[in-house]
Amino acid sequence: MIKNKAMIALAAAAMLALAGCSQAENGGTDNNKPGSGLPSPTASIQPSQPPAGGAGQPSTGNGADQGAQQPPAGNGANQGAQQPSTGNSAGNKDGGAKHAAQAVTVGELVELAKKGKVPGCEYAAHTALFDDIEQAWGKADTNESAGKGIYAEYRSHGVAFGYNKGMLVFDVRSFDKSLHTIGAADIKKALGKADSETVSGDDRIYMYRVNDQYELKFAVPKKTGKVDHISVYSPQDAKNLMAG
């Protein structure tokens, strides 16, 4: 009886031992379940799904590559360089032509004449000495006796000086091209009737006394009706100051 009980206990122990071995062979806990921290056995063979907007999909955003392919919409330096300027810059043809055609006004000539001067010349009648002019400008193109004195012409300056034997300048004449747009009608409109109107060859001379010292004369050829030259004249100096 005791022997049978012992055999039953041994058989039970053997069955328990076999059950424990079977559980050990099956790996115990199921590590393939989600959350186990290990990858699924099929993860390596499933195609990867890139996230939306990732490297695998063409970008629709404003990335660097897309920006490089699109021309800038702003007023950048390159865009500005392709657009013609509308300003009156130095290289603008209309601006340049307008400046070249700009003429001196009769009123401006009168104001200069009150000081004994003509446009573009610093030397004034009644105060300038021809010695100083010759030293600064060099020898005149022509230097001849005419009328009440000697006249020296500087063609490159468009100016002629009348001076007496004491070298004092009494007449400054300008042949500047800016004068050639002024007509006889413009002179009369600005200054009214001339103090005297005479004829010298083909020129009609309009003389206006601008003050006690100076006269302003306009020489207008009949064939053009436009000013050829002007003269700022000091009558009291048109004499030989070296005479006894």
C-alpha atoms as a PDB file:
ATOM      1  CA  MET A   1       0.000   0.000   0.000  1.00  0.00           C
ATOM      2  CA  ILE A   2       2.788   2.322   0.971  1.00  0.00           C
ATOM      3  CA  LYS A   3       4.611   1.281  -2.197  1.00  0.00           C
ATOM      4  CA  ASN A   4       1.620   2.216  -4.371  1.00  0.00           C
ATOM      5  CA  LYS A   5       1.355   5.677  -2.753  1.00  0.00           C
ATOM      6  CA  ALA A   6       5.012   6.268  -3.412  1.00  0.00           C
ATOM      7  CA  MET A   7       4.637   5.357  -7.051  1.00  0.00           C
ATOM      8  CA  ILE A   8       1.658   7.713  -7.408  1.00  0.00           C
ATOM      9  CA  ALA A   9       3.608  10.576  -5.876  1.00  0.00           C
ATOM     10  CA  LEU A  10       6.523   9.954  -8.234  1.00  0.00           C
ATOM     11  CA  ALA A  11       4.164   9.878 -11.210  1.00  0.00           C
ATOM     12  CA  ALA A  12       2.592  13.187 -10.099  1.00  0.00           C
ATOM     13  CA  ALA A  13       5.993  14.778  -9.690  1.00  0.00           C
ATOM     14  CA  ALA A  14       6.999  13.580 -13.149  1.00  0.00           C
ATOM     15  CA  MET A  15       3.858  15.125 -14.672  1.00  0.00           C
ATOM     16  CA  LEU A  16       4.542  18.462 -12.956  1.00  0.00           C
ATOM     17  CA  ALA A  17       8.104  18.377 -14.257  1.00  0.00           C
ATOM     18  CA  LEU A  18       6.909  17.728 -17.817  1.00  0.00           C
ATOM     19  CA  ALA A  19       4.392  20.599 -17.592  1.00  0.00           C
ATOM     20  CA  GLY A  20       7.149  23.024 -16.490  1.00  0.00           C
ATOM     21  CA  CYS A  21       9.407  22.019 -19.379  1.00  0.00           C
ATOM     22  CA  SER A  22       6.583  22.517 -21.860  1.00  0.00           C
ATOM     23  CA  GLN A  23       5.971  26.100 -20.596  1.00  0.00           C
ATOM     24  CA  ALA A  24       9.703  26.891 -20.767  1.00  0.00           C
ATOM     25  CA  GLU A  25       9.872  25.732 -24.420  1.00  0.00           C
ATOM     26  CA  ASN A  26       6.950  28.034 -25.384  1.00  0.00           C
ATOM     27  CA  GLY A  27       8.972  31.100 -24.206  1.00  0.00           C
ATOM     28  CA  GLY A  28       6.801  32.098 -21.278  1.00  0.00           C
ATOM     29  CA  THR A  29       5.387  35.668 -21.851  1.00  0.00           C
ATOM     30  CA  ASP A  30       4.207  36.625 -25.435  1.00  0.00           C
ATOM     31  CA  ASN A  31       6.708  39.325 -26.483  1.00  0.00           C
ATOM     32  CA  ASN A  32       5.087  39.776 -29.931  1.00  0.00           C
ATOM     33  CA  LYS A  33       2.110  41.657 -28.479  1.00  0.00           C
ATOM     34  CA  PRO A  34       1.973  45.471 -29.025  1.00  0.00           C
ATOM     35  CA  GLY A  35       3.596  47.382 -26.215  1.00  0.00           C
ATOM     36  CA  SER A  36       6.190  44.680 -25.527  1.00  0.00           C
ATOM     37  CA  GLY A  37       9.009  47.015 -26.710  1.00  0.00           C
ATOM     38  CA  LEU A  38      10.104  44.684 -29.547  1.00  0.00           C
ATOM     39  CA  PRO A  39       9.315  45.120 -33.233  1.00  0.00           C
ATOM     40  CA  SER A  40       6.656  43.064 -34.936  1.00  0.00           C
ATOM     41  CA  PRO A  41       8.044  40.078 -36.910  1.00  0.00           C
ATOM     42  CA  THR A  42       6.418  41.481 -40.075  1.00  0.00           C
ATOM     43  CA  ALA A  43       7.705  45.047 -39.677  1.00  0.00           C
ATOM     44  CA  SER A  44      10.799  44.428 -41.821  1.00  0.00           C
ATOM     45  CA  ILE A  45       8.817  43.382 -44.894  1.00  0.00           C
ATOM     46  CA  GLN A  46       6.093  46.031 -44.822  1.00  0.00           C
ATOM     47  CA  PRO A  47       6.712  49.112 -47.041  1.00  0.00           C
ATOM     48  CA  SER A  48       7.449  52.228 -45.093  1.00  0.00           C
ATOM     49  CA  GLN A  49       4.799  54.954 -45.304  1.00  0.00           C
ATOM     50  CA  PRO A  50       6.438  58.384 -45.433  1.00  0.00           C
ATOM     51  CA  PRO A  51       4.756  61.140 -43.497  1.00  0.00           C
ATOM     52  CA  ALA A  52       2.792  63.714 -45.425  1.00  0.00           C
ATOM     53  CA  GLY A  53       5.053  66.473 -46.683  1.00  0.00           C
ATOM     54  CA  GLY A  54       8.174  64.413 -45.940  1.00  0.00           C
ATOM     55  CA  ALA A  55      11.252  63.812 -48.066  1.00  0.00           C
ATOM     56  CA  GLY A  56       9.550  61.054 -50.071  1.00  0.00           C
ATOM     57  CA  GLN A  57       6.818  63.411 -51.392  1.00  0.00           C
ATOM     58  CA  PRO A  58       7.378  66.469 -53.633  1.00  0.00           C
ATOM     59  CA  SER A  59       7.278  69.576 -51.472  1.00  0.00           C
ATOM     60  CA  THR A  60       4.464  72.031 -51.938  1.00  0.00           C
ATOM     61  CA  GLY A  61       5.797  74.494 -49.387  1.00  0.00           C
ATOM     62  CA  ASN A  62       8.028  77.540 -49.878  1.00  0.00           C
ATOM     63  CA  GLY A  63      11.277  75.621 -49.490  1.00  0.00           C
ATOM     64  CA  ALA A  64      14.677  76.787 -50.672  1.00  0.00           C
ATOM     65  CA  ASP A  65      14.527  74.766 -53.939  1.00  0.00           C
ATOM     66  CA  GLN A  66      11.107  76.057 -54.852  1.00  0.00           C
ATOM     67  CA  GLY A  67      12.112  79.613 -54.048  1.00  0.00           C
ATOM     68  CA  ALA A  68      15.147  79.287 -56.310  1.00  0.00           C
ATOM     69  CA  GLN A  69      12.951  78.238 -59.240  1.00  0.00           C
ATOM     70  CA  GLN A  70      10.443  81.048 -58.806  1.00  0.00           C
ATOM     71  CA  PRO A  71      11.379  84.597 -59.894  1.00  0.00           C
ATOM     72  CA  PRO A  72      11.177  87.105 -57.044  1.00  0.00           C
ATOM     73  CA  ALA A  73       8.046  89.205 -56.961  1.00  0.00           C
ATOM     74  CA  GLY A  74       9.582  92.063 -55.025  1.00  0.00           C
ATOM     75  CA  ASN A  75      11.499  95.100 -56.286  1.00  0.00           C
ATOM     76  CA  GLY A  76      14.897  93.459 -55.961  1.00  0.00           C
ATOM     77  CA  ALA A  77      18.084  94.717 -57.508  1.00  0.00           C
ATOM     78  CA  ASN A  78      17.856  92.426 -60.552  1.00  0.00           C
ATOM     79  CA  GLN A  79      14.274  93.362 -61.264  1.00  0.00           C
ATOM     80  CA  GLY A  80      15.092  97.040 -60.912  1.00  0.00           C
ATOM     81  CA  ALA A  81      17.979  96.672 -63.348  1.00  0.00           C
ATOM     82  CA  GLN A  82      15.629  95.309 -66.011  1.00  0.00           C
ATOM     83  CA  GLN A  83      13.165  98.181 -65.701  1.00  0.00           C
ATOM     84  CA  PRO A  84      13.982 101.399 -67.586  1.00  0.00           C
ATOM     85  CA  SER A  85      14.276 104.490 -65.463  1.00  0.00           C
ATOM     86  CA  THR A  86      11.547 107.098 -65.820  1.00  0.00           C
ATOM     87  CA  GLY A  87      13.426 109.809 -63.976  1.00  0.00           C
ATOM     88  CA  ASN A  88      15.259 112.717 -65.528  1.00  0.00           C
ATOM     89  CA  SER A  89      18.714 111.328 -64.869  1.00  0.00           C
ATOM     90  CA  ALA A  90      21.873 112.578 -66.455  1.00  0.00           C
ATOM     91  CA  GLY A  91      21.654 109.878 -69.143  1.00  0.00           C
ATOM     92  CA  ASN A  92      18.031 110.647 -70.010  1.00  0.00           C
ATOM     93  CA  LYS A  93      17.878 111.911 -73.580  1.00  0.00           C
ATOM     94  CA  ASP A  94      14.832 114.119 -73.068  1.00  0.00           C
ATOM     95  CA  GLY A  95      16.316 115.660 -69.953  1.00  0.00           C
ATOM     96  CA  GLY A  96      19.615 116.329 -71.711  1.00  0.00           C
ATOM     97  CA  ALA A  97      17.939 117.880 -74.736  1.00  0.00           C
ATOM     98  CA  LYS A  98      15.741 120.058 -72.538  1.00  0.00           C
ATOM     99  CA  HIS A  99      18.751 121.329 -70.664  1.00  0.00           C
ATOM    100  CA  ALA A 100      20.661 122.076 -73.890  1.00  0.00           C
ATOM    101  CA  ALA A 101      17.708 124.026 -75.300  1.00  0.00           C
ATOM    102  CA  GLN A 102      17.209 126.109 -72.152  1.00  0.00           C
ATOM    103  CA  ALA A 103      17.841 129.771 -72.962  1.00  0.00           C
ATOM    104  CA  VAL A 104      18.646 132.702 -70.733  1.00  0.00           C
ATOM    105  CA  THR A 105      15.728 135.064 -70.173  1.00  0.00           C
ATOM    106  CA  VAL A 106      15.603 138.757 -70.951  1.00  0.00           C
ATOM    107  CA  GLY A 107      15.084 139.483 -67.262  1.00  0.00           C
ATOM    108  CA  GLU A 108      18.277 137.606 -66.356  1.00  0.00           C
ATOM    109  CA  LEU A 109      20.211 139.578 -68.969  1.00  0.00           C
ATOM    110  CA  VAL A 110      18.984 142.829 -67.463  1.00  0.00           C
ATOM    111  CA  GLU A 111      20.073 141.823 -63.965  1.00  0.00           C
ATOM    112  CA  LEU A 112      23.555 140.919 -65.227  1.00  0.00           C
ATOM    113  CA  ALA A 113      23.759 144.122 -67.256  1.00  0.00           C
ATOM    114  CA  LYS A 114      23.121 146.183 -64.113  1.00  0.00           C
ATOM    115  CA  LYS A 115      26.459 144.778 -62.896  1.00  0.00           C
ATOM    116  CA  GLY A 116      28.212 145.349 -66.220  1.00  0.00           C
ATOM    117  CA  LYS A 117      28.242 141.629 -67.067  1.00  0.00           C
ATOM    118  CA  VAL A 118      27.047 139.130 -69.661  1.00  0.00           C
ATOM    119  CA  PRO A 119      26.265 135.408 -69.157  1.00  0.00           C
ATOM    120  CA  GLY A 120      29.264 133.157 -68.568  1.00  0.00           C
ATOM    121  CA  CYS A 121      31.797 135.944 -68.026  1.00  0.00           C
ATOM    122  CA  GLU A 122      33.130 137.256 -64.740  1.00  0.00           C
ATOM    123  CA  TYR A 123      34.645 140.431 -66.198  1.00  0.00           C
ATOM    124  CA  ALA A 124      32.504 143.553 -66.079  1.00  0.00           C
ATOM    125  CA  ALA A 125      32.526 146.750 -68.073  1.00  0.00           C
ATOM    126  CA  HIS A 126      33.699 149.847 -66.155  1.00  0.00           C
ATOM    127  CA  THR A 127      35.733 147.787 -63.647  1.00  0.00           C
ATOM    128  CA  ALA A 128      37.744 145.160 -65.557  1.00  0.00           C
ATOM    129  CA  LEU A 129      41.170 145.862 -67.045  1.00  0.00           C
ATOM    130  CA  PHE A 130      42.087 144.165 -70.278  1.00  0.00           C
ATOM    131  CA  ASP A 131      45.582 143.406 -68.927  1.00  0.00           C
ATOM    132  CA  ASP A 132      43.999 141.122 -66.312  1.00  0.00           C
ATOM    133  CA  ILE A 133      41.777 139.425 -68.887  1.00  0.00           C
ATOM    134  CA  GLU A 134      44.722 138.763 -71.203  1.00  0.00           C
ATOM    135  CA  GLN A 135      46.765 137.342 -68.339  1.00  0.00           C
ATOM    136  CA  ALA A 136      43.940 134.955 -67.403  1.00  0.00           C
ATOM    137  CA  TRP A 137      42.644 134.009 -70.870  1.00  0.00           C
ATOM    138  CA  GLY A 138      45.775 134.470 -72.970  1.00  0.00           C
ATOM    139  CA  LYS A 139      46.084 136.295 -76.268  1.00  0.00           C
ATOM    140  CA  ALA A 140      42.844 137.185 -78.020  1.00  0.00           C
ATOM    141  CA  ASP A 141      41.957 135.677 -81.415  1.00  0.00           C
ATOM    142  CA  THR A 142      41.637 139.202 -82.778  1.00  0.00           C
ATOM    143  CA  ASN A 143      42.661 142.516 -81.214  1.00  0.00           C
ATOM    144  CA  GLU A 144      41.861 145.505 -83.433  1.00  0.00           C
ATOM    145  CA  SER A 145      40.881 149.137 -83.237  1.00  0.00           C
ATOM    146  CA  ALA A 146      37.194 149.724 -83.853  1.00  0.00           C
ATOM    147  CA  GLY A 147      34.817 152.561 -83.074  1.00  0.00           C
ATOM    148  CA  LYS A 148      35.889 154.402 -79.922  1.00  0.00           C
ATOM    149  CA  GLY A 149      38.423 151.855 -78.731  1.00  0.00           C
ATOM    150  CA  ILE A 150      40.078 148.488 -79.290  1.00  0.00           C
ATOM    151  CA  TYR A 151      38.132 145.244 -79.485  1.00  0.00           C
ATOM    152  CA  ALA A 152      39.547 141.856 -78.507  1.00  0.00           C
ATOM    153  CA  GLU A 153      37.593 138.709 -79.405  1.00  0.00           C
ATOM    154  CA  TYR A 154      37.844 135.363 -77.592  1.00  0.00           C
ATOM    155  CA  ARG A 155      35.967 132.938 -79.821  1.00  0.00           C
ATOM    156  CA  SER A 156      36.229 129.921 -77.519  1.00  0.00           C
ATOM    157  CA  HIS A 157      34.524 131.964 -74.787  1.00  0.00           C
ATOM    158  CA  GLY A 158      32.016 133.572 -77.151  1.00  0.00           C
ATOM    159  CA  VAL A 159      32.966 136.971 -75.726  1.00  0.00           C
ATOM    160  CA  ALA A 160      34.522 140.194 -77.022  1.00  0.00           C
ATOM    161  CA  PHE A 161      35.836 143.128 -74.970  1.00  0.00           C
ATOM    162  CA  GLY A 162      36.005 146.752 -75.993  1.00  0.00           C
ATOM    163  CA  TYR A 163      38.653 148.701 -74.035  1.00  0.00           C
ATOM    164  CA  ASN A 164      40.239 152.130 -74.188  1.00  0.00           C
ATOM    165  CA  LYS A 165      43.901 153.091 -74.251  1.00  0.00           C
ATOM    166  CA  GLY A 166      43.940 153.091 -70.488  1.00  0.00           C
ATOM    167  CA  MET A 167      43.085 149.329 -70.736  1.00  0.00           C
ATOM    168  CA  LEU A 168      39.732 149.866 -69.000  1.00  0.00           C
ATOM    169  CA  VAL A 169      36.924 147.723 -70.463  1.00  0.00           C
ATOM    170  CA  PHE A 170      33.905 149.771 -71.541  1.00  0.00           C
ATOM    171  CA  ASP A 171      32.053 147.173 -73.618  1.00  0.00           C
ATOM    172  CA  VAL A 172      31.443 143.449 -72.982  1.00  0.00           C
ATOM    173  CA  ARG A 173      29.758 141.525 -75.798  1.00  0.00           C
ATOM    174  CA  SER A 174      28.387 137.986 -75.694  1.00  0.00           C
ATOM    175  CA  PHE A 175      27.712 135.740 -78.688  1.00  0.00           C
ATOM    176  CA  ASP A 176      26.532 132.822 -76.548  1.00  0.00           C
ATOM    177  CA  LYS A 177      24.181 130.375 -78.301  1.00  0.00           C
ATOM    178  CA  SER A 178      21.666 130.650 -75.474  1.00  0.00           C
ATOM    179  CA  LEU A 179      20.846 134.122 -76.776  1.00  0.00           C
ATOM    180  CA  HIS A 180      19.800 132.891 -80.206  1.00  0.00           C
ATOM    181  CA  THR A 181      16.332 131.843 -79.070  1.00  0.00           C
ATOM    182  CA  ILE A 182      15.369 135.375 -78.023  1.00  0.00           C
ATOM    183  CA  GLY A 183      13.339 137.269 -80.603  1.00  0.00           C
ATOM    184  CA  ALA A 184      12.637 140.970 -80.998  1.00  0.00           C
ATOM    185  CA  ALA A 185       9.072 140.350 -79.810  1.00  0.00           C
ATOM    186  CA  ASP A 186      10.402 138.716 -76.613  1.00  0.00           C
ATOM    187  CA  ILE A 187      12.554 141.752 -75.878  1.00  0.00           C
ATOM    188  CA  LYS A 188       9.700 144.212 -76.360  1.00  0.00           C
ATOM    189  CA  LYS A 189       7.331 142.081 -74.327  1.00  0.00           C
ATOM    190  CA  ALA A 190       9.725 141.972 -71.384  1.00  0.00           C
ATOM    191  CA  LEU A 191      11.150 145.508 -71.520  1.00  0.00           C
ATOM    192  CA  GLY A 192       8.714 147.531 -73.570  1.00  0.00           C
ATOM    193  CA  LYS A 193       9.800 150.068 -76.142  1.00  0.00           C
ATOM    194  CA  ALA A 194      13.575 150.516 -76.498  1.00  0.00           C
ATOM    195  CA  ASP A 195      15.223 153.750 -75.389  1.00  0.00           C
ATOM    196  CA  SER A 196      16.724 153.835 -78.861  1.00  0.00           C
ATOM    197  CA  GLU A 197      16.424 151.696 -81.962  1.00  0.00           C
ATOM    198  CA  THR A 198      19.050 151.946 -84.686  1.00  0.00           C
ATOM    199  CA  VAL A 199      20.281 150.003 -87.708  1.00  0.00           C
ATOM    200  CA  SER A 200      23.855 148.809 -88.217  1.00  0.00           C
ATOM    201  CA  GLY A 201      24.310 146.937 -91.479  1.00  0.00           C
ATOM    202  CA  ASP A 202      21.808 144.083 -91.454  1.00  0.00           C
ATOM    203  CA  ASP A 203      21.288 144.305 -87.683  1.00  0.00           C
ATOM    204  CA  ARG A 204      18.664 146.218 -85.812  1.00  0.00           C
ATOM    205  CA  ILE A 205      19.996 147.413 -82.441  1.00  0.00           C
ATOM    206  CA  TYR A 206      17.632 147.756 -79.468  1.00  0.00           C
ATOM    207  CA  MET A 207      19.178 149.749 -76.617  1.00  0.00           C
ATOM    208  CA  TYR A 208      17.880 149.916 -73.042  1.00  0.00           C
ATOM    209  CA  ARG A 209      19.403 151.924 -70.198  1.00  0.00           C
ATOM    210  CA  VAL A 210      19.408 149.580 -67.218  1.00  0.00           C
ATOM    211  CA  ASN A 211      20.866 152.146 -64.754  1.00  0.00           C
ATOM    212  CA  ASP A 212      23.005 155.282 -64.679  1.00  0.00           C
ATOM    213  CA  GLN A 213      26.152 153.336 -65.572  1.00  0.00           C
ATOM    214  CA  TYR A 214      25.200 150.767 -68.186  1.00  0.00           C
ATOM    215  CA  GLU A 215      23.294 150.245 -71.396  1.00  0.00           C
ATOM    216  CA  LEU A 216      22.097 146.858 -72.622  1.00  0.00           C
ATOM    217  CA  LYS A 217      22.012 146.448 -76.409  1.00  0.00           C
ATOM    218  CA  PHE A 218      20.447 143.630 -78.436  1.00  0.00           C
ATOM    219  CA  ALA A 219      21.700 143.047 -81.999  1.00  0.00           C
ATOM    220  CA  VAL A 220      18.989 141.320 -84.060  1.00  0.00           C
ATOM    221  CA  PRO A 221      19.674 140.433 -87.720  1.00  0.00           C
ATOM    222  CA  LYS A 222      16.766 141.153 -90.026  1.00  0.00           C
ATOM    223  CA  LYS A 223      16.992 137.745 -91.685  1.00  0.00           C
ATOM    224  CA  THR A 224      16.513 135.772 -88.461  1.00  0.00           C
ATOM    225  CA  GLY A 225      14.599 138.086 -86.147  1.00  0.00           C
ATOM    226  CA  LYS A 226      16.575 136.501 -83.278  1.00  0.00           C
ATOM    227  CA  VAL A 227      19.356 137.930 -81.131  1.00  0.00           C
ATOM    228  CA  ASP A 228      22.840 137.408 -82.568  1.00  0.00           C
ATOM    229  CA  HIS A 229      24.716 139.029 -79.676  1.00  0.00           C
ATOM    230  CA  ILE A 230      24.302 141.470 -76.825  1.00  0.00           C
ATOM    231  CA  SER A 231      26.446 144.318 -75.542  1.00  0.00           C
ATOM    232  CA  VAL A 232      26.758 145.703 -72.031  1.00  0.00           C
ATOM    233  CA  TYR A 233      28.143 149.167 -72.580  1.00  0.00           C
ATOM    234  CA  SER A 234      29.520 151.890 -70.298  1.00  0.00           C
ATOM    235  CA  PRO A 235      29.325 155.143 -72.309  1.00  0.00           C
ATOM    236  CA  GLN A 236      31.425 157.239 -69.912  1.00  0.00           C
ATOM    237  CA  ASP A 237      34.369 154.839 -70.275  1.00  0.00           C
ATOM    238  CA  ALA A 238      34.330 154.837 -74.080  1.00  0.00           C
ATOM    239  CA  LYS A 239      37.073 157.436 -74.261  1.00  0.00           C
ATOM    240  CA  ASN A 240      40.835 157.663 -74.041  1.00  0.00           C
ATOM    241  CA  LEU A 241      41.619 158.091 -70.344  1.00  0.00           C
ATOM    242  CA  MET A 242      45.306 158.548 -71.176  1.00  0.00           C
ATOM    243  CA  ALA A 243      44.634 161.703 -73.219  1.00  0.00           C
ATOM    244  CA  GLY A 244      45.676 164.998 -71.714  1.00  0.00           C
END
